[in-house]
PDB file of N, CA and C in Angstrom:
ATOM      1  N   MET A   1      84.706  86.336 120.545  1.00  0.00           N
ATOM      2  CA  MET A   1      85.859  87.084 121.038  1.00  0.00           C
ATOM      3  C   MET A   1      85.466  87.756 122.354  1.00  0.00           C
ATOM      4  N   PRO A   2      86.249  87.573 123.376  1.00  0.00           N
ATOM      5  CA  PRO A   2      85.919  88.194 124.667  1.00  0.00           C
ATOM      6  C   PRO A   2      85.925  89.711 124.563  1.00  0.00           C
ATOM      7  N   ASN A   3      85.080  90.330 125.338  1.00  0.00           N
ATOM      8  CA  ASN A   3      84.984  91.782 125.326  1.00  0.00           C
ATOM      9  C   ASN A   3      85.486  92.308 126.665  1.00  0.00           C
ATOM     10  N   HIS A   4      86.800  92.373 126.792  1.00  0.00           N
ATOM     11  CA  HIS A   4      87.400  92.795 128.054  1.00  0.00           C
ATOM     12  C   HIS A   4      88.126  94.113 127.895  1.00  0.00           C
ATOM     13  N   HIS A   5      87.772  95.039 128.703  1.00  0.00           N
ATOM     14  CA  HIS A   5      88.507  96.294 128.837  1.00  0.00           C
ATOM     15  C   HIS A   5      88.178  96.799 130.237  1.00  0.00           C
ATOM     16  N   PRO A   6      89.187  97.197 131.008  1.00  0.00           N
ATOM     17  CA  PRO A   6      88.934  97.586 132.402  1.00  0.00           C
ATOM     18  C   PRO A   6      88.002  98.782 132.573  1.00  0.00           C
ATOM     19  N   GLU A   7      87.817  99.590 131.547  1.00  0.00           N
ATOM     20  CA  GLU A   7      86.941 100.758 131.657  1.00  0.00           C
ATOM     21  C   GLU A   7      85.499 100.475 131.229  1.00  0.00           C
ATOM     22  N   THR A   8      85.210  99.257 130.787  1.00  0.00           N
ATOM     23  CA  THR A   8      83.860  98.923 130.345  1.00  0.00           C
ATOM     24  C   THR A   8      82.890  99.002 131.516  1.00  0.00           C
ATOM     25  N   LYS A   9      81.826  99.763 131.332  1.00  0.00           N
ATOM     26  CA  LYS A   9      80.793  99.895 132.363  1.00  0.00           C
ATOM     27  C   LYS A   9      79.750  98.794 132.174  1.00  0.00           C
ATOM     28  N   GLU A  10      78.903  98.618 133.187  1.00  0.00           N
ATOM     29  CA  GLU A  10      77.830  97.637 133.107  1.00  0.00           C
ATOM     30  C   GLU A  10      76.937  97.946 131.899  1.00  0.00           C
ATOM     31  N   ASN A  11      76.532  96.920 131.188  1.00  0.00           N
ATOM     32  CA  ASN A  11      75.679  97.040 129.997  1.00  0.00           C
ATOM     33  C   ASN A  11      76.334  97.839 128.876  1.00  0.00           C
ATOM     34  N   GLU A  12      77.642  97.785 128.819  1.00  0.00           N
ATOM     35  CA  GLU A  12      78.381  98.521 127.809  1.00  0.00           C
ATOM     36  C   GLU A  12      79.276  97.540 127.051  1.00  0.00           C
ATOM     37  N   TYR A  13      79.635  97.898 125.836  1.00  0.00           N
ATOM     38  CA  TYR A  13      80.475  97.060 124.989  1.00  0.00           C
ATOM     39  C   TYR A  13      81.704  97.857 124.568  1.00  0.00           C
ATOM     40  N   TYR A  14      82.876  97.250 124.734  1.00  0.00           N
ATOM     41  CA  TYR A  14      84.110  97.849 124.216  1.00  0.00           C
ATOM     42  C   TYR A  14      84.172  97.514 122.735  1.00  0.00           C
ATOM     43  N   CYS A  15      84.252  98.509 121.889  1.00  0.00           N
ATOM     44  CA  CYS A  15      84.236  98.292 120.439  1.00  0.00           C
ATOM     45  C   CYS A  15      85.637  98.068 119.873  1.00  0.00           C
ATOM     46  N   TYR A  16      86.475  99.082 119.995  1.00  0.00           N
ATOM     47  CA  TYR A  16      87.823  99.060 119.432  1.00  0.00           C
ATOM     48  C   TYR A  16      88.515 100.362 119.805  1.00  0.00           C
ATOM     49  N   ASN A  17      89.775 100.474 119.427  1.00  0.00           N
ATOM     50  CA  ASN A  17      90.528 101.703 119.674  1.00  0.00           C
ATOM     51  C   ASN A  17      90.402 102.628 118.466  1.00  0.00           C
ATOM     52  N   VAL A  18      90.379 103.926 118.747  1.00  0.00           N
ATOM     53  CA  VAL A  18      90.332 104.932 117.691  1.00  0.00           C
ATOM     54  C   VAL A  18      91.480 105.913 117.899  1.00  0.00           C
ATOM     55  N   LYS A  19      91.851 106.591 116.828  1.00  0.00           N
ATOM     56  CA  LYS A  19      92.918 107.584 116.933  1.00  0.00           C
ATOM     57  C   LYS A  19      92.468 108.727 117.831  1.00  0.00           C
ATOM     58  N   ALA A  20      93.285 109.042 118.808  1.00  0.00           N
ATOM     59  CA  ALA A  20      92.943 110.061 119.803  1.00  0.00           C
ATOM     60  C   ALA A  20      92.708 111.422 119.164  1.00  0.00           C
ATOM     61  N   GLU A  21      93.500 111.769 118.174  1.00  0.00           N
ATOM     62  CA  GLU A  21      93.382 113.096 117.558  1.00  0.00           C
ATOM     63  C   GLU A  21      92.062 113.276 116.807  1.00  0.00           C
ATOM     64  N   LYS A  22      91.451 112.178 116.367  1.00  0.00           N
ATOM     65  CA  LYS A  22      90.185 112.266 115.625  1.00  0.00           C
ATOM     66  C   LYS A  22      88.972 112.112 116.526  1.00  0.00           C
ATOM     67  N   GLY A  23      89.137 111.481 117.671  1.00  0.00           N
ATOM     68  CA  GLY A  23      88.027 111.297 118.598  1.00  0.00           C
ATOM     69  C   GLY A  23      86.995 110.311 118.072  1.00  0.00           C
ATOM     70  N   ILE A  24      85.749 110.509 118.460  1.00  0.00           N
ATOM     71  CA  ILE A  24      84.667 109.626 118.018  1.00  0.00           C
ATOM     72  C   ILE A  24      84.462 109.825 116.518  1.00  0.00           C
ATOM     73  N   PRO A  25      84.505 108.747 115.729  1.00  0.00           N
ATOM     74  CA  PRO A  25      84.309 108.883 114.286  1.00  0.00           C
ATOM     75  C   PRO A  25      82.968 109.559 113.963  1.00  0.00           C
ATOM     76  N   LEU A  26      82.970 110.401 112.948  1.00  0.00           N
ATOM     77  CA  LEU A  26      81.765 111.147 112.571  1.00  0.00           C
ATOM     78  C   LEU A  26      80.573 110.234 112.373  1.00  0.00           C
ATOM     79  N   ARG A  27      80.784 109.090 111.743  1.00  0.00           N
ATOM     80  CA  ARG A  27      79.673 108.178 111.430  1.00  0.00           C
ATOM     81  C   ARG A  27      79.014 107.600 112.680  1.00  0.00           C
ATOM     82  N   LEU A  28      79.709 107.671 113.830  1.00  0.00           N
ATOM     83  CA  LEU A  28      79.176 107.107 115.066  1.00  0.00           C
ATOM     84  C   LEU A  28      78.625 108.157 116.023  1.00  0.00           C
ATOM     85  N   ARG A  29      78.743 109.410 115.679  1.00  0.00           N
ATOM     86  CA  ARG A  29      78.339 110.475 116.598  1.00  0.00           C
ATOM     87  C   ARG A  29      76.825 110.560 116.799  1.00  0.00           C
ATOM     88  N   SER A  30      76.068 109.873 115.971  1.00  0.00           N
ATOM     89  CA  SER A  30      74.613 109.850 116.160  1.00  0.00           C
ATOM     90  C   SER A  30      74.203 108.884 117.275  1.00  0.00           C
ATOM     91  N   LEU A  31      75.115 108.003 117.681  1.00  0.00           N
ATOM     92  CA  LEU A  31      74.823 107.079 118.774  1.00  0.00           C
ATOM     93  C   LEU A  31      74.748 107.852 120.080  1.00  0.00           C
ATOM     94  N   LYS A  32      73.724 107.592 120.859  1.00  0.00           N
ATOM     95  CA  LYS A  32      73.503 108.344 122.091  1.00  0.00           C
ATOM     96  C   LYS A  32      74.469 107.959 123.207  1.00  0.00           C
ATOM     97  N   THR A  33      74.970 106.727 123.182  1.00  0.00           N
ATOM     98  CA  THR A  33      75.785 106.247 124.301  1.00  0.00           C
ATOM     99  C   THR A  33      77.259 106.091 123.972  1.00  0.00           C
ATOM    100  N   VAL A  34      77.673 106.451 122.781  1.00  0.00           N
ATOM    101  CA  VAL A  34      79.072 106.283 122.396  1.00  0.00           C
ATOM    102  C   VAL A  34      79.956 107.185 123.262  1.00  0.00           C
ATOM    103  N   ARG A  35      81.101 106.639 123.683  1.00  0.00           N
ATOM    104  CA  ARG A  35      82.029 107.440 124.481  1.00  0.00           C
ATOM    105  C   ARG A  35      83.448 106.922 124.290  1.00  0.00           C
ATOM    106  N   LEU A  36      84.403 107.785 124.604  1.00  0.00           N
ATOM    107  CA  LEU A  36      85.810 107.406 124.598  1.00  0.00           C
ATOM    108  C   LEU A  36      86.266 107.128 126.020  1.00  0.00           C
ATOM    109  N   GLY A  37      87.146 106.160 126.149  1.00  0.00           N
ATOM    110  CA  GLY A  37      87.753 105.881 127.435  1.00  0.00           C
ATOM    111  C   GLY A  37      89.056 106.645 127.584  1.00  0.00           C
ATOM    112  N   LYS A  38      89.797 106.308 128.611  1.00  0.00           N
ATOM    113  CA  LYS A  38      91.028 107.035 128.923  1.00  0.00           C
ATOM    114  C   LYS A  38      92.309 106.317 128.490  1.00  0.00           C
ATOM    115  N   GLN A  39      92.280 104.953 128.425  1.00  0.00           N
ATOM    116  CA  GLN A  39      93.505 104.211 128.134  1.00  0.00           C
ATOM    117  C   GLN A  39      93.235 103.062 127.169  1.00  0.00           C
ATOM    118  N   ALA A  40      93.909 103.081 126.031  1.00  0.00           N
ATOM    119  CA  ALA A  40      93.816 101.988 125.062  1.00  0.00           C
ATOM    120  C   ALA A  40      94.922 100.964 125.342  1.00  0.00           C
ATOM    121  N   TYR A  41      94.648  99.712 124.955  1.00  0.00           N
ATOM    122  CA  TYR A  41      95.609  98.616 125.119  1.00  0.00           C
ATOM    123  C   TYR A  41      95.777  97.902 123.788  1.00  0.00           C
ATOM    124  N   ASP A  42      96.969  97.328 123.578  1.00  0.00           N
ATOM    125  CA  ASP A  42      97.176  96.531 122.378  1.00  0.00           C
ATOM    126  C   ASP A  42      96.692  95.103 122.627  1.00  0.00           C
ATOM    127  N   LEU A  43      96.865  94.225 121.646  1.00  0.00           N
ATOM    128  CA  LEU A  43      96.382  92.848 121.764  1.00  0.00           C
ATOM    129  C   LEU A  43      97.072  92.056 122.863  1.00  0.00           C
ATOM    130  N   ASP A  44      98.244  92.500 123.276  1.00  0.00           N
ATOM    131  CA  ASP A  44      98.978  91.830 124.349  1.00  0.00           C
ATOM    132  C   ASP A  44      98.691  92.439 125.719  1.00  0.00           C
ATOM    133  N   GLY A  45      97.780  93.405 125.763  1.00  0.00           N
ATOM    134  CA  GLY A  45      97.421  94.034 127.027  1.00  0.00           C
ATOM    135  C   GLY A  45      98.351  95.149 127.459  1.00  0.00           C
ATOM    136  N   LYS A  46      99.235  95.560 126.567  1.00  0.00           N
ATOM    137  CA  LYS A  46     100.158  96.652 126.885  1.00  0.00           C
ATOM    138  C   LYS A  46      99.500  97.994 126.569  1.00  0.00           C
ATOM    139  N   LYS A  47      99.776  98.981 127.401  1.00  0.00           N
ATOM    140  CA  LYS A  47      99.206 100.311 127.209  1.00  0.00           C
ATOM    141  C   LYS A  47      99.716 100.939 125.920  1.00  0.00           C
ATOM    142  N   ILE A  48      98.803 101.622 125.238  1.00  0.00           N
ATOM    143  CA  ILE A  48      99.135 102.391 124.042  1.00  0.00           C
ATOM    144  C   ILE A  48      99.095 103.859 124.444  1.00  0.00           C
ATOM    145  N   SER A  49      99.985 104.638 123.913  1.00  0.00           N
ATOM    146  CA  SER A  49     100.028 106.062 124.236  1.00  0.00           C
ATOM    147  C   SER A  49      98.651 106.703 124.048  1.00  0.00           C
ATOM    148  N   THR A  50      98.223 107.467 125.053  1.00  0.00           N
ATOM    149  CA  THR A  50      96.922 108.136 124.979  1.00  0.00           C
ATOM    150  C   THR A  50      96.935 109.288 123.973  1.00  0.00           C
ATOM    151  N   ASP A  51      98.104 109.689 123.534  1.00  0.00           N
ATOM    152  CA  ASP A  51      98.198 110.686 122.469  1.00  0.00           C
ATOM    153  C   ASP A  51      97.892 110.057 121.113  1.00  0.00           C
ATOM    154  N   TYR A  52      97.972 108.719 121.056  1.00  0.00           N
ATOM    155  CA  TYR A  52      97.786 108.011 119.796  1.00  0.00           C
ATOM    156  C   TYR A  52      96.410 107.345 119.684  1.00  0.00           C
ATOM    157  N   MET A  53      96.017 106.560 120.684  1.00  0.00           N
ATOM    158  CA  MET A  53      94.762 105.814 120.615  1.00  0.00           C
ATOM    159  C   MET A  53      93.982 105.905 121.924  1.00  0.00           C
ATOM    160  N   LEU A  54      92.637 105.807 121.792  1.00  0.00           N
ATOM    161  CA  LEU A  54      91.736 105.753 122.941  1.00  0.00           C
ATOM    162  C   LEU A  54      90.684 104.669 122.675  1.00  0.00           C
ATOM    163  N   PRO A  55      90.184 104.023 123.724  1.00  0.00           N
ATOM    164  CA  PRO A  55      89.146 103.009 123.527  1.00  0.00           C
ATOM    165  C   PRO A  55      87.781 103.647 123.278  1.00  0.00           C
ATOM    166  N   LEU A  56      86.959 102.976 122.479  1.00  0.00           N
ATOM    167  CA  LEU A  56      85.622 103.448 122.178  1.00  0.00           C
ATOM    168  C   LEU A  56      84.615 102.440 122.727  1.00  0.00           C
ATOM    169  N   PHE A  57      83.590 102.956 123.387  1.00  0.00           N
ATOM    170  CA  PHE A  57      82.563 102.127 124.019  1.00  0.00           C
ATOM    171  C   PHE A  57      81.181 102.564 123.547  1.00  0.00           C
ATOM    172  N   VAL A  58      80.225 101.628 123.610  1.00  0.00           N
ATOM    173  CA  VAL A  58      78.826 101.931 123.306  1.00  0.00           C
ATOM    174  C   VAL A  58      77.949 101.018 124.161  1.00  0.00           C
ATOM    175  N   SER A  59      76.770 101.498 124.480  1.00  0.00           N
ATOM    176  CA  SER A  59      75.818 100.698 125.247  1.00  0.00           C
ATOM    177  C   SER A  59      75.423  99.454 124.445  1.00  0.00           C
ATOM    178  N   LYS A  60      75.228  98.349 125.138  1.00  0.00           N
ATOM    179  CA  LYS A  60      74.789  97.121 124.473  1.00  0.00           C
ATOM    180  C   LYS A  60      73.455  97.327 123.774  1.00  0.00           C
ATOM    181  N   ASN A  61      72.657  98.276 124.248  1.00  0.00           N
ATOM    182  CA  ASN A  61      71.368  98.575 123.611  1.00  0.00           C
ATOM    183  C   ASN A  61      71.528  99.153 122.216  1.00  0.00           C
ATOM    184  N   GLU A  62      72.687  99.718 121.917  1.00  0.00           N
ATOM    185  CA  GLU A  62      72.919 100.330 120.611  1.00  0.00           C
ATOM    186  C   GLU A  62      73.807  99.485 119.697  1.00  0.00           C
ATOM    187  N   LEU A  63      74.088  98.243 120.077  1.00  0.00           N
ATOM    188  CA  LEU A  63      74.956  97.397 119.244  1.00  0.00           C
ATOM    189  C   LEU A  63      74.376  97.146 117.858  1.00  0.00           C
ATOM    190  N   ASN A  64      73.076  96.934 117.770  1.00  0.00           N
ATOM    191  CA  ASN A  64      72.466  96.719 116.449  1.00  0.00           C
ATOM    192  C   ASN A  64      72.626  97.947 115.566  1.00  0.00           C
ATOM    193  N   THR A  65      72.444  99.125 116.140  1.00  0.00           N
ATOM    194  CA  THR A  65      72.621 100.358 115.384  1.00  0.00           C
ATOM    195  C   THR A  65      74.074 100.509 114.949  1.00  0.00           C
ATOM    196  N   LEU A  66      75.006 100.214 115.851  1.00  0.00           N
ATOM    197  CA  LEU A  66      76.428 100.268 115.511  1.00  0.00           C
ATOM    198  C   LEU A  66      76.735  99.312 114.359  1.00  0.00           C
ATOM    199  N   ASN A  67      76.238  98.097 114.435  1.00  0.00           N
ATOM    200  CA  ASN A  67      76.467  97.120 113.370  1.00  0.00           C
ATOM    201  C   ASN A  67      75.867  97.591 112.050  1.00  0.00           C
ATOM    202  N   ASN A  68      74.682  98.184 112.093  1.00  0.00           N
ATOM    203  CA  ASN A  68      74.063  98.710 110.872  1.00  0.00           C
ATOM    204  C   ASN A  68      74.903  99.813 110.243  1.00  0.00           C
ATOM    205  N   ILE A  69      75.466 100.671 111.074  1.00  0.00           N
ATOM    206  CA  ILE A  69      76.340 101.748 110.574  1.00  0.00           C
ATOM    207  C   ILE A  69      77.555 101.148 109.886  1.00  0.00           C
ATOM    208  N   HIS A  70      78.165 100.142 110.500  1.00  0.00           N
ATOM    209  CA  HIS A  70      79.343  99.506 109.905  1.00  0.00           C
ATOM    210  C   HIS A  70      78.985  98.751 108.620  1.00  0.00           C
ATOM    211  N   GLU A  71      77.845  98.090 108.591  1.00  0.00           N
ATOM    212  CA  GLU A  71      77.416  97.384 107.381  1.00  0.00           C
ATOM    213  C   GLU A  71      77.185  98.361 106.232  1.00  0.00           C
ATOM    214  N   GLN A  72      76.558  99.496 106.522  1.00  0.00           N
ATOM    215  CA  GLN A  72      76.321 100.512 105.499  1.00  0.00           C
ATOM    216  C   GLN A  72      77.646 101.058 104.971  1.00  0.00           C
ATOM    217  N   GLU A  73      78.574 101.273 105.873  1.00  0.00           N
ATOM    218  CA  GLU A  73      79.890 101.769 105.462  1.00  0.00           C
ATOM    219  C   GLU A  73      80.578 100.770 104.533  1.00  0.00           C
ATOM    220  N   LEU A  74      80.497  99.480 104.861  1.00  0.00           N
ATOM    221  CA  LEU A  74      81.096  98.449 104.001  1.00  0.00           C
ATOM    222  C   LEU A  74      80.436  98.412 102.631  1.00  0.00           C
ATOM    223  N   LYS A  75      79.116  98.549 102.581  1.00  0.00           N
ATOM    224  CA  LYS A  75      78.403  98.579 101.287  1.00  0.00           C
ATOM    225  C   LYS A  75      78.899  99.734 100.430  1.00  0.00           C
ATOM    226  N   GLU A  76      79.082 100.887 101.057  1.00  0.00           N
ATOM    227  CA  GLU A  76      79.550 102.060 100.330  1.00  0.00           C
ATOM    228  C   GLU A  76      80.966 101.849  99.801  1.00  0.00           C
ATOM    229  N   ILE A  77      81.823 101.253 100.611  1.00  0.00           N
ATOM    230  CA  ILE A  77      83.203 100.994 100.190  1.00  0.00           C
ATOM    231  C   ILE A  77      83.223 100.003  99.030  1.00  0.00           C
ATOM    232  N   ARG A  78      82.419  98.946  99.128  1.00  0.00           N
ATOM    233  CA  ARG A  78      82.406  97.895  98.105  1.00  0.00           C
ATOM    234  C   ARG A  78      81.770  98.351  96.796  1.00  0.00           C
ATOM    235  N   SER A  79      80.936  99.377  96.849  1.00  0.00           N
ATOM    236  CA  SER A  79      80.276  99.837  95.628  1.00  0.00           C
ATOM    237  C   SER A  79      81.146 100.778  94.804  1.00  0.00           C
ATOM    238  N   LYS A  80      82.291 101.136  95.318  1.00  0.00           N
ATOM    239  CA  LYS A  80      83.191 102.069  94.590  1.00  0.00           C
ATOM    240  C   LYS A  80      83.997 101.334  93.548  1.00  0.00           C
TER     241      LYS A  80
END
């Protein structure tokens, strides 16, 4: 899947959109390079209200850590 977002910086990965009111998810706040962007887009490239969603980015150097966090979260969900 292409990783295109106009706010993506060099050596950075656009992850997904998050709810603006919640900000960076608690489980990801340990990542040193995680950040929110200014404008989220839907799958058709249309702008989403910044009051509703914001894009989340992380350095490519932390992708393995991000994936490990998501895998652990899935294990916890599946064990319930």
